[in-house]
Amino acid sequence: MDFLALHAESQPEKPAVICGDEVLDFASLSRRASRAANAFTGLGCTEGDRVAWMSFNSITGAEIANGARRAGLVIVPVNYRLRGPEIAYVLNDSGAKVAAAGPDHVDAMAAAVPDVKSDVRFVTAGVQAPRGWLSYRDLAAAASEQFEAIGDGLGPSMIYTSGTTGNPKGAWRPHGVDIANVLQVISIFELSQGDVHLMCGPGYHSGVSFFSALHQVLGATVVMQPKFEAEDALDLIERHRLTTSFIAPTLLQRLVDAQQRRPRDTSSLRALILGAAPCPHTLKVRAEAAFGQVLWEFYGATETGINTVLRPEDQMRKPGSCGTAVPGQEIRVVRDDGSEAGVGEPGELMVRNAWQAEYFNRPDATSKSLHDGFFSVGDIAYRDEEGYYYISDRRVDMIISGGVNIYPAEVEAVLHAHPAVMDAAVIGVPDEQWGESVRAVVQLRAETRATADELIAFCAERLAGYKKPRSVEFVDELPRDAAGKLLKRKLRDAYWTGAGRKI
């Protein structure tokens, strides 16, 4: 079923997407999607071919994505923070037939051209096309508004992981996702056609694009922010009476801070859906004070979809939890020997469900992540007696000091509770006696002060002695990607380079 065509017929004048002063109704979006579909097929694309797209959130992006899906093509979102060789890697690895860039990202994608090995047609959605590039505006203007849909919008998908531990891998679903699973997620989060959704994070992130797509499937209106800006986001919530948004914890923190500086009417909000990274409980407390009981949180991965959900009424009752298993999920928490971990005992979290992806061109990586049909992305977790799950950390981030496992997320949660701490990361650094020692890297709030000794003592009062930081480094800002994921590798490398070992 072509959902966009269905909504174009049943509610043609309803706004489908809004970005700034531009409003596009469902009928217009459907016509533009057909033009995009014809433009891509006119370039020789056939069903299953990949179209790479690199841009800020935009209405052009919405028509390109819908057009590609209508033609049975696979959109490959490209992280707009990548640069030449990194972009070329994604284009080469995905086998993209077409690579399109928004006006702000033509130069970055052009820098990738010398390293692209395959025959790719480059397209710009900007005003002027560089030499050798095609203009999307010209292609779309010359294309027909009629196209018989090949895809239904739920076909094959490919989203590249953030690559925090190396080159990104393409999470590839060659058969797409069953509509029953999509409807289940819509039901779990109580989404409806009457919602007005804020798309404020980067569209290349799986959570941002997924929840925006869910609202389009429903026929709800999506309000786009090209790039996140907290003050503007609050203005949009007030102006458009927005009801839902997917948001990373770092963006939520900025939203809460902005609301406290100058409150807006956000009473229309009923669901702020948290994902992409762990959310400190102290931030949840502040968010509820600012916006009410509207927080949802889920645990999932690009490779495995949504696995657990924590509802609004459980946020304060279950601090640190990411919720209970979504129906249809088989979740195991296992010890190093593969046996099932007990209640409260940390182990590697593994999932088996209908959402599972494989890594494109990487059977080795897929095989490494699969264990008896269960998929693992390397997260350490435990469950309580009520079946609520808690993510302890990523296996790659775990610190082993003197033979004892230390989970940085636990220490980070304590640091976030300090009133002077804006952001914090905990890493293991070389230590001749213990192998690794715990080091905190901290960003302080503006106009506050705290010493290393003060923060170490703060942690010592709340944690076992072996878990407290042994040293503290203060930085202006921690390295995070646009989705809010902490790039710990960048912090660790500064300490381990030249140490002659990785751990």
Protein backbone atom coordinates (compact mmCIF):
# COMPACT_ATOMS: atom_id res chain seq x y z
CA MET A 1 0.00 0.00 0.00
CA ASP A 2 1.31 3.45 -0.95
CA PHE A 3 0.48 5.39 2.23
CA LEU A 4 1.42 8.74 0.79
CA ALA A 5 -0.94 8.26 -2.17
CA LEU A 6 -3.69 7.15 0.22
CA HIS A 7 -3.36 10.32 2.31
CA ALA A 8 -3.08 12.48 -0.80
CA GLU A 9 -6.50 11.18 -1.81
CA SER A 10 -8.22 11.15 1.59
CA GLN A 11 -6.82 14.42 3.04
CA PRO A 12 -5.18 16.27 0.13
CA GLU A 13 -5.05 19.71 1.76
CA LYS A 14 -3.77 18.62 5.17
CA PRO A 15 -0.18 19.77 5.83
CA ALA A 16 2.18 16.83 5.44
CA VAL A 17 5.45 18.64 6.14
CA ILE A 18 6.24 22.12 7.43
CA CYS A 19 9.72 23.64 7.38
CA GLY A 20 10.08 27.30 8.25
CA ASP A 21 7.54 29.23 6.19
CA GLU A 22 7.13 26.43 3.64
CA VAL A 23 4.09 24.18 4.00
CA LEU A 24 3.47 21.20 1.75
CA ASP A 25 0.14 19.37 1.85
CA PHE A 26 -0.22 15.64 1.19
CA ALA A 27 -1.43 16.09 -2.38
CA SER A 28 1.56 18.30 -3.25
CA LEU A 29 4.04 16.02 -1.48
CA SER A 30 2.69 13.04 -3.40
CA ARG A 31 3.06 14.86 -6.72
CA ARG A 32 6.61 15.91 -5.87
CA ALA A 33 7.45 12.36 -4.80
CA SER A 34 6.33 11.10 -8.22
CA ARG A 35 8.57 13.69 -9.89
CA ALA A 36 11.48 12.48 -7.75
CA ALA A 37 10.71 8.84 -8.59
CA ASN A 38 10.69 9.66 -12.31
CA ALA A 39 13.88 11.70 -11.98
CA PHE A 40 15.77 8.80 -10.38
CA THR A 41 14.46 6.15 -12.75
CA GLY A 42 15.38 8.51 -15.59
CA LEU A 43 18.98 8.31 -14.34
CA GLY A 44 18.87 4.55 -14.77
CA CYS A 45 17.94 3.54 -11.23
CA THR A 46 15.94 0.33 -10.95
CA GLU A 47 14.23 -1.39 -8.03
CA GLY A 48 16.67 -2.11 -5.18
CA ASP A 49 19.28 0.46 -6.23
CA ARG A 50 20.64 2.74 -3.51
CA VAL A 51 20.29 6.54 -3.46
CA ALA A 52 22.57 8.31 -0.97
CA TRP A 53 21.22 11.57 0.51
CA MET A 54 23.20 14.07 2.59
CA SER A 55 21.42 17.14 3.88
CA PHE A 56 19.90 18.95 6.81
CA ASN A 57 16.20 18.22 7.38
CA SER A 58 14.23 19.77 4.54
CA ILE A 59 11.08 19.47 2.46
CA THR A 60 13.27 18.55 -0.52
CA GLY A 61 14.59 15.67 1.55
CA ALA A 62 11.04 14.52 2.27
CA GLU A 63 10.11 14.46 -1.42
CA ILE A 64 13.36 12.71 -2.39
CA ALA A 65 12.93 10.06 0.31
CA ASN A 66 9.28 9.44 -0.58
CA GLY A 67 10.07 9.43 -4.30
CA ALA A 68 12.89 6.96 -3.92
CA ARG A 69 10.71 4.61 -1.89
CA ARG A 70 7.87 4.97 -4.37
CA ALA A 71 10.27 3.81 -7.09
CA GLY A 72 11.38 0.83 -5.00
CA LEU A 73 14.78 2.40 -4.36
CA VAL A 74 16.68 2.37 -1.06
CA ILE A 75 17.53 5.70 0.55
CA VAL A 76 20.93 5.69 2.28
CA PRO A 77 21.12 8.67 4.70
CA VAL A 78 24.67 10.03 4.95
CA ASN A 79 25.89 11.59 8.19
CA TYR A 80 26.51 15.22 7.28
CA ARG A 81 29.39 15.44 9.73
CA LEU A 82 31.44 13.05 7.62
CA ARG A 83 34.11 14.37 5.30
CA GLY A 84 35.55 13.38 1.90
CA PRO A 85 37.11 9.92 2.44
CA GLU A 86 34.44 8.98 5.02
CA ILE A 87 31.64 9.91 2.62
CA ALA A 88 33.38 8.01 -0.17
CA TYR A 89 33.50 4.95 2.10
CA VAL A 90 29.71 4.99 2.53
CA LEU A 91 29.10 5.53 -1.19
CA ASN A 92 31.51 2.72 -2.13
CA ASP A 93 30.32 0.31 0.53
CA SER A 94 26.61 0.84 -0.20
CA GLY A 95 27.06 0.69 -3.97
CA ALA A 96 25.03 3.88 -4.36
CA LYS A 97 23.83 4.54 -7.91
CA VAL A 98 23.02 8.19 -7.14
CA ALA A 99 24.49 10.51 -4.52
CA ALA A 100 22.49 13.67 -3.78
CA ALA A 101 23.48 16.56 -1.52
CA GLY A 102 21.57 19.47 -0.06
CA PRO A 103 22.82 23.00 -0.69
CA ASP A 104 24.93 23.10 2.48
CA HIS A 105 26.70 19.81 1.79
CA VAL A 106 27.69 19.90 -1.87
CA ASP A 107 31.29 20.86 -1.07
CA ALA A 108 31.66 18.03 1.46
CA MET A 109 30.30 15.44 -0.95
CA ALA A 110 32.34 16.88 -3.83
CA ALA A 111 35.46 16.25 -1.77
CA ALA A 112 34.55 12.55 -1.78
CA VAL A 113 34.42 12.25 -5.58
CA PRO A 114 38.13 11.39 -6.11
CA ASP A 115 37.83 8.42 -3.74
CA VAL A 116 34.57 7.04 -5.15
CA LYS A 117 35.33 3.81 -7.01
CA SER A 118 32.01 3.08 -8.68
CA ASP A 119 30.03 4.93 -11.35
CA VAL A 120 27.88 7.30 -9.28
CA ARG A 121 25.65 10.07 -10.60
CA PHE A 122 26.05 13.13 -8.39
CA VAL A 123 23.04 15.40 -7.90
CA THR A 124 22.74 18.71 -6.08
CA ALA A 125 19.58 20.03 -4.49
CA GLY A 126 21.21 23.45 -4.36
CA VAL A 127 20.78 26.35 -6.74
CA GLN A 128 23.91 25.81 -8.83
CA ALA A 129 25.27 22.44 -9.90
CA PRO A 130 29.07 21.98 -9.91
CA ARG A 131 30.68 20.79 -13.13
CA GLY A 132 29.78 17.17 -13.79
CA TRP A 133 26.82 17.27 -11.39
CA LEU A 134 23.13 17.23 -12.20
CA SER A 135 20.57 19.65 -10.79
CA TYR A 136 17.75 18.00 -8.86
CA ARG A 137 15.56 21.02 -9.52
CA ASP A 138 16.01 20.61 -13.28
CA LEU A 139 15.46 16.86 -13.14
CA ALA A 140 12.29 17.23 -11.05
CA ALA A 141 10.92 20.09 -13.16
CA ALA A 142 11.23 17.97 -16.30
CA ALA A 143 9.69 14.86 -14.69
CA SER A 144 6.08 13.71 -14.74
CA GLU A 145 3.82 13.94 -11.69
CA GLN A 146 2.47 10.46 -12.46
CA PHE A 147 4.22 7.33 -11.18
CA GLU A 148 2.83 3.90 -10.39
CA ALA A 149 4.32 2.96 -7.04
CA ILE A 150 6.72 0.05 -6.90
CA GLY A 151 7.45 0.37 -3.20
CA ASP A 152 5.09 0.91 -0.27
CA GLY A 153 7.47 2.88 1.93
CA LEU A 154 8.20 -0.18 4.06
CA GLY A 155 10.57 -1.85 1.64
CA PRO A 156 14.32 -2.48 1.99
CA SER A 157 16.27 -0.04 4.15
CA MET A 158 19.91 0.73 4.85
CA ILE A 159 21.15 2.99 7.62
CA TYR A 160 24.81 3.24 8.53
CA THR A 161 25.81 2.94 12.16
CA SER A 162 27.56 5.89 13.76
CA GLY A 163 30.96 4.27 13.50
CA THR A 164 32.06 5.18 17.03
CA THR A 165 34.44 2.19 17.03
CA GLY A 166 35.62 2.23 13.40
CA ASN A 167 34.18 2.49 9.92
CA PRO A 168 30.36 2.61 9.92
CA LYS A 169 28.49 -0.53 8.93
CA GLY A 170 25.34 -0.58 6.84
CA ALA A 171 22.41 -2.06 8.76
CA TRP A 172 20.65 -3.71 5.83
CA ARG A 173 17.07 -5.00 5.81
CA PRO A 174 16.67 -6.44 2.32
CA HIS A 175 13.04 -7.36 2.91
CA GLY A 176 12.02 -4.25 4.82
CA VAL A 177 9.78 -4.37 7.89
CA ASP A 178 6.40 -6.04 8.14
CA ILE A 179 3.50 -3.60 8.47
CA ALA A 180 2.29 -5.49 11.55
CA ASN A 181 5.51 -4.57 13.37
CA VAL A 182 5.15 -0.92 12.35
CA LEU A 183 1.57 -0.81 13.60
CA GLN A 184 2.70 -2.39 16.87
CA VAL A 185 5.19 0.44 17.50
CA ILE A 186 2.54 3.02 16.63
CA SER A 187 0.25 1.39 19.17
CA ILE A 188 2.91 1.14 21.90
CA PHE A 189 3.70 4.87 21.75
CA GLU A 190 0.01 5.73 21.27
CA LEU A 191 0.69 7.73 18.11
CA SER A 192 -2.25 8.95 16.03
CA GLN A 193 -3.16 10.76 12.84
CA GLY A 194 -4.01 13.81 14.92
CA ASP A 195 -0.44 14.18 16.19
CA VAL A 196 1.81 17.00 15.06
CA HIS A 197 5.38 15.73 15.20
CA LEU A 198 8.60 17.71 15.61
CA MET A 199 11.54 16.36 13.59
CA CYS A 200 14.43 18.15 15.27
CA GLY A 201 17.38 15.75 15.26
CA PRO A 202 19.53 14.82 12.25
CA GLY A 203 17.54 12.86 9.68
CA TYR A 204 20.39 10.42 9.06
CA HIS A 205 19.84 9.04 12.56
CA SER A 206 17.64 5.93 12.56
CA GLY A 207 15.43 7.09 15.46
CA VAL A 208 14.81 10.55 13.99
CA SER A 209 13.91 9.22 10.54
CA PHE A 210 11.91 6.29 11.91
CA PHE A 211 9.55 8.29 14.12
CA SER A 212 9.06 10.90 11.40
CA ALA A 213 8.23 8.10 8.94
CA LEU A 214 5.77 6.57 11.43
CA HIS A 215 3.85 9.84 11.54
CA GLN A 216 3.81 10.03 7.75
CA VAL A 217 2.45 6.48 7.59
CA LEU A 218 -0.34 7.66 9.91
CA GLY A 219 -1.04 10.78 7.86
CA ALA A 220 0.06 13.12 10.66
CA THR A 221 1.84 16.44 10.12
CA VAL A 222 5.62 16.59 10.53
CA VAL A 223 7.23 19.94 11.43
CA MET A 224 10.91 19.98 10.49
CA GLN A 225 13.76 21.84 12.07
CA PRO A 226 16.71 21.87 9.62
CA LYS A 227 19.10 21.69 12.58
CA PHE A 228 18.27 21.54 16.26
CA GLU A 229 18.14 24.85 18.09
CA ALA A 230 16.48 24.78 21.50
CA GLU A 231 14.86 28.22 21.51
CA ASP A 232 13.44 27.70 18.04
CA ALA A 233 12.20 24.21 18.95
CA LEU A 234 10.21 25.64 21.86
CA ASP A 235 8.78 28.34 19.62
CA LEU A 236 7.70 25.66 17.14
CA ILE A 237 6.05 23.62 19.90
CA GLU A 238 4.07 26.65 20.98
CA ARG A 239 3.21 27.91 17.47
CA HIS A 240 2.17 24.59 15.90
CA ARG A 241 0.82 22.93 19.07
CA LEU A 242 3.23 20.05 18.61
CA THR A 243 2.39 16.82 20.37
CA THR A 244 5.31 14.44 19.84
CA SER A 245 9.04 14.36 19.17
CA PHE A 246 11.94 11.94 19.22
CA ILE A 247 14.87 13.55 21.01
CA ALA A 248 18.33 12.57 22.25
CA PRO A 249 19.20 13.32 25.90
CA THR A 250 21.75 16.02 25.01
CA LEU A 251 19.10 17.86 23.00
CA LEU A 252 16.55 17.39 25.78
CA GLN A 253 18.97 19.03 28.21
CA ARG A 254 19.23 22.10 25.96
CA LEU A 255 15.44 22.15 25.60
CA VAL A 256 14.95 22.07 29.38
CA ASP A 257 17.56 24.80 29.91
CA ALA A 258 15.89 27.01 27.29
CA GLN A 259 12.43 26.44 28.80
CA GLN A 260 13.74 27.44 32.22
CA ARG A 261 15.28 30.61 30.79
CA ARG A 262 12.09 31.68 28.99
CA PRO A 263 9.03 29.44 29.40
CA ARG A 264 6.74 28.78 26.43
CA ASP A 265 3.33 27.15 26.29
CA THR A 266 4.23 23.50 25.77
CA SER A 267 0.96 22.10 27.12
CA SER A 268 0.25 20.42 23.75
CA LEU A 269 3.17 18.01 24.26
CA ARG A 270 2.20 14.49 25.24
CA ALA A 271 5.22 12.41 24.16
CA LEU A 272 8.90 13.28 24.20
CA ILE A 273 10.48 9.99 23.12
CA LEU A 274 14.03 9.49 24.37
CA GLY A 275 16.59 7.36 22.59
CA ALA A 276 20.09 7.26 21.04
CA ALA A 277 21.93 7.45 24.39
CA PRO A 278 21.31 6.90 28.12
CA CYS A 279 19.41 9.73 29.80
CA PRO A 280 20.59 10.78 33.28
CA HIS A 281 17.80 10.49 35.85
CA THR A 282 18.52 14.02 37.10
CA LEU A 283 17.72 15.31 33.61
CA LYS A 284 14.45 13.38 33.58
CA VAL A 285 13.46 15.01 36.86
CA ARG A 286 14.14 18.46 35.39
CA ALA A 287 12.31 17.58 32.16
CA GLU A 288 9.19 16.44 34.01
CA ALA A 289 9.24 19.66 36.02
CA ALA A 290 9.45 21.65 32.79
CA PHE A 291 7.06 19.71 30.53
CA GLY A 292 5.02 17.36 32.71
CA GLN A 293 4.74 13.58 32.58
CA VAL A 294 5.48 13.26 28.85
CA LEU A 295 8.74 11.28 28.79
CA TRP A 296 8.98 7.93 27.04
CA GLU A 297 12.25 6.06 26.70
CA PHE A 298 13.22 3.07 24.64
CA TYR A 299 16.25 0.88 24.21
CA GLY A 300 17.07 -0.30 20.74
CA ALA A 301 19.62 -0.20 17.98
CA THR A 302 19.77 0.52 14.29
CA GLU A 303 20.32 -3.23 13.86
CA THR A 304 17.50 -4.50 16.10
CA GLY A 305 14.79 -1.83 16.15
CA ILE A 306 12.96 -1.01 19.38
CA ASN A 307 13.45 -3.65 22.07
CA THR A 308 12.26 -2.17 25.38
CA VAL A 309 10.02 0.75 26.33
CA LEU A 310 9.72 2.72 29.57
CA ARG A 311 6.38 4.52 29.82
CA PRO A 312 5.84 7.99 31.37
CA GLU A 313 4.35 6.64 34.59
CA ASP A 314 7.48 4.54 35.23
CA GLN A 315 10.13 7.23 34.71
CA MET A 316 10.38 8.25 38.36
CA ARG A 317 9.54 4.80 39.73
CA LYS A 318 12.32 3.03 37.82
CA PRO A 319 15.33 5.39 37.70
CA GLY A 320 17.99 4.15 35.28
CA SER A 321 15.72 1.66 33.54
CA CYS A 322 15.04 1.53 29.81
CA GLY A 323 11.81 -0.39 30.34
CA THR A 324 10.31 -3.78 29.71
CA ALA A 325 10.50 -5.90 26.58
CA VAL A 326 8.29 -4.96 23.65
CA PRO A 327 5.93 -7.85 22.78
CA GLY A 328 7.55 -10.16 20.24
CA GLN A 329 11.08 -9.50 21.51
CA GLU A 330 13.17 -12.36 22.82
CA ILE A 331 15.78 -10.85 25.13
CA ARG A 332 18.62 -12.69 26.85
CA VAL A 333 21.23 -11.38 29.29
CA VAL A 334 24.16 -13.77 29.23
CA ARG A 335 27.42 -14.28 31.07
CA ASP A 336 30.76 -14.62 29.29
CA ASP A 337 30.29 -18.40 29.15
CA GLY A 338 26.94 -18.01 27.38
CA SER A 339 24.78 -19.01 30.36
CA GLU A 340 21.80 -16.91 31.42
CA ALA A 341 22.60 -14.19 33.96
CA GLY A 342 20.51 -13.98 37.11
CA VAL A 343 18.28 -11.12 38.24
CA GLY A 344 20.43 -8.06 38.95
CA GLU A 345 23.51 -9.64 37.36
CA PRO A 346 25.12 -7.74 34.45
CA GLY A 347 25.67 -9.59 31.20
CA GLU A 348 25.67 -9.06 27.46
CA LEU A 349 22.21 -8.17 26.16
CA MET A 350 21.07 -10.13 23.10
CA VAL A 351 17.88 -9.76 21.10
CA ARG A 352 15.97 -11.89 18.60
CA ASN A 353 13.06 -10.34 16.71
CA ALA A 354 11.54 -9.66 13.29
CA TRP A 355 13.41 -6.34 12.96
CA GLN A 356 16.90 -7.82 12.82
CA ALA A 357 19.20 -6.40 10.18
CA GLU A 358 22.38 -7.77 8.69
CA TYR A 359 25.54 -5.83 7.95
CA PHE A 360 25.76 -5.05 4.25
CA ASN A 361 28.88 -6.57 2.63
CA ARG A 362 30.02 -7.68 6.09
CA PRO A 363 29.02 -11.32 6.70
CA ASP A 364 31.92 -11.52 9.16
CA ALA A 365 30.51 -8.69 11.29
CA THR A 366 26.99 -10.14 11.08
CA SER A 367 28.24 -13.55 12.14
CA LYS A 368 30.22 -12.03 15.02
CA SER A 369 27.10 -10.27 16.32
CA LEU A 370 24.81 -13.31 16.06
CA HIS A 371 24.67 -16.03 18.70
CA ASP A 372 22.08 -18.77 18.17
CA GLY A 373 19.92 -16.30 16.25
CA PHE A 374 20.24 -13.59 18.92
CA PHE A 375 21.83 -10.29 17.87
CA SER A 376 24.18 -8.30 20.11
CA VAL A 377 25.52 -4.78 19.60
CA GLY A 378 27.79 -5.16 22.62
CA ASP A 379 25.67 -3.62 25.38
CA ILE A 380 25.93 -4.79 28.99
CA ALA A 381 22.64 -4.89 30.91
CA TYR A 382 20.76 -6.46 33.78
CA ARG A 383 17.09 -6.91 34.64
CA ASP A 384 15.26 -6.53 37.92
CA GLU A 385 12.68 -8.80 39.51
CA GLU A 386 9.84 -7.02 37.68
CA GLY A 387 11.39 -7.55 34.25
CA TYR A 388 12.67 -4.00 33.77
CA TYR A 389 16.00 -3.74 31.95
CA TYR A 390 18.93 -1.45 32.78
CA ILE A 391 21.81 -0.75 30.42
CA SER A 392 25.07 -0.81 32.36
CA ASP A 393 27.36 0.16 29.50
CA ARG A 394 28.82 -0.91 26.20
CA ARG A 395 31.24 -3.83 26.42
CA VAL A 396 33.86 -1.82 24.52
CA ASP A 397 33.62 0.98 27.14
CA MET A 398 33.92 -1.28 30.19
CA ILE A 399 36.96 -0.56 32.36
CA ILE A 400 38.91 -3.43 33.91
CA SER A 401 40.96 -2.12 36.82
CA GLY A 402 42.87 -4.62 38.92
CA GLY A 403 40.78 -7.41 37.39
CA VAL A 404 37.49 -5.78 38.45
CA ASN A 405 34.84 -4.69 35.92
CA ILE A 406 33.78 -1.05 36.19
CA TYR A 407 30.89 0.30 34.13
CA PRO A 408 31.48 3.97 33.19
CA ALA A 409 27.76 4.71 32.81
CA GLU A 410 27.27 4.13 36.53
CA VAL A 411 29.97 6.66 37.40
CA GLU A 412 28.70 9.10 34.76
CA ALA A 413 25.22 8.98 36.29
CA VAL A 414 26.66 10.09 39.64
CA LEU A 415 28.69 12.89 38.04
CA HIS A 416 25.60 14.17 36.21
CA ALA A 417 23.90 14.55 39.59
CA HIS A 418 26.48 17.17 40.66
CA PRO A 419 24.97 20.65 40.23
CA ALA A 420 28.08 22.03 38.50
CA VAL A 421 28.36 19.25 35.89
CA MET A 422 26.93 19.90 32.44
CA ASP A 423 28.27 16.74 30.77
CA ALA A 424 30.58 13.92 31.75
CA ALA A 425 32.37 10.92 30.30
CA VAL A 426 34.28 8.24 32.14
CA ILE A 427 37.07 6.29 30.45
CA GLY A 428 39.85 3.89 31.37
CA VAL A 429 43.37 5.23 31.01
CA PRO A 430 46.70 3.36 31.26
CA ASP A 431 47.83 2.56 34.79
CA GLU A 432 51.06 0.65 35.49
CA GLN A 433 49.74 -0.88 38.72
CA TRP A 434 46.09 -1.61 37.89
CA GLY A 435 46.15 -1.91 34.10
CA GLU A 436 43.53 0.81 33.80
CA SER A 437 42.36 3.55 36.12
CA VAL A 438 39.12 5.52 36.06
CA ARG A 439 39.35 9.01 34.59
CA ALA A 440 36.44 11.47 34.42
CA VAL A 441 36.29 14.00 31.60
CA VAL A 442 33.92 16.77 32.66
CA GLN A 443 32.26 19.81 31.13
CA LEU A 444 31.10 22.27 33.81
CA ARG A 445 28.03 24.45 33.57
CA ALA A 446 28.57 28.08 32.71
CA GLU A 447 29.28 30.29 35.73
CA THR A 448 29.89 27.33 38.06
CA ARG A 449 33.04 25.97 39.64
CA ALA A 450 34.14 22.58 40.90
CA THR A 451 37.55 21.08 41.56
CA ALA A 452 38.76 17.61 40.70
CA ASP A 453 39.01 16.73 44.41
CA GLU A 454 35.43 17.89 44.95
CA LEU A 455 34.07 15.71 42.14
CA ILE A 456 36.10 12.68 43.24
CA ALA A 457 34.80 13.08 46.80
CA PHE A 458 31.24 13.48 45.49
CA CYS A 459 31.57 10.13 43.69
CA ALA A 460 33.25 8.46 46.66
CA GLU A 461 30.21 9.23 48.83
CA ARG A 462 27.91 7.47 46.35
CA LEU A 463 29.97 4.66 44.86
CA ALA A 464 32.19 1.81 45.96
CA GLY A 465 35.76 3.03 46.36
CA TYR A 466 37.12 1.14 43.35
CA LYS A 467 34.59 2.85 41.04
CA LYS A 468 35.37 6.46 41.86
CA PRO A 469 37.48 8.48 39.39
CA ARG A 470 41.17 8.61 40.19
CA SER A 471 41.63 11.72 38.07
CA VAL A 472 39.50 14.41 36.43
CA GLU A 473 40.05 16.39 33.24
CA PHE A 474 38.00 19.52 32.52
CA VAL A 475 37.06 20.31 28.91
CA ASP A 476 34.98 22.98 27.19
CA GLU A 477 32.84 20.38 25.41
CA LEU A 478 32.70 16.61 25.08
CA PRO A 479 32.83 15.05 21.60
CA ARG A 480 29.34 13.91 20.62
CA ASP A 481 27.83 13.25 17.23
CA ALA A 482 24.75 15.15 16.05
CA ALA A 483 22.51 12.45 17.49
CA GLY A 484 24.02 12.95 20.94
CA LYS A 485 26.10 9.77 21.06
CA LEU A 486 29.30 10.21 23.04
CA LEU A 487 32.42 9.54 20.96
CA LYS A 488 34.54 7.95 23.67
CA ARG A 489 37.07 6.63 21.21
CA LYS A 490 38.24 10.21 20.61
CA LEU A 491 38.80 10.65 24.35
CA ARG A 492 40.52 7.30 24.88
CA ASP A 493 42.87 7.53 21.90
CA ALA A 494 44.65 10.54 23.39
CA TYR A 495 45.70 8.39 26.35
CA TRP A 496 46.31 5.01 24.72
CA THR A 497 48.23 6.17 21.65
CA GLY A 498 51.86 5.47 22.41
CA ALA A 499 51.04 3.27 25.41
CA GLY A 500 51.99 0.20 23.40
CA ARG A 501 48.67 -1.48 24.21
CA LYS A 502 44.93 -0.92 23.93
CA ILE A 503 43.99 -2.05 27.42
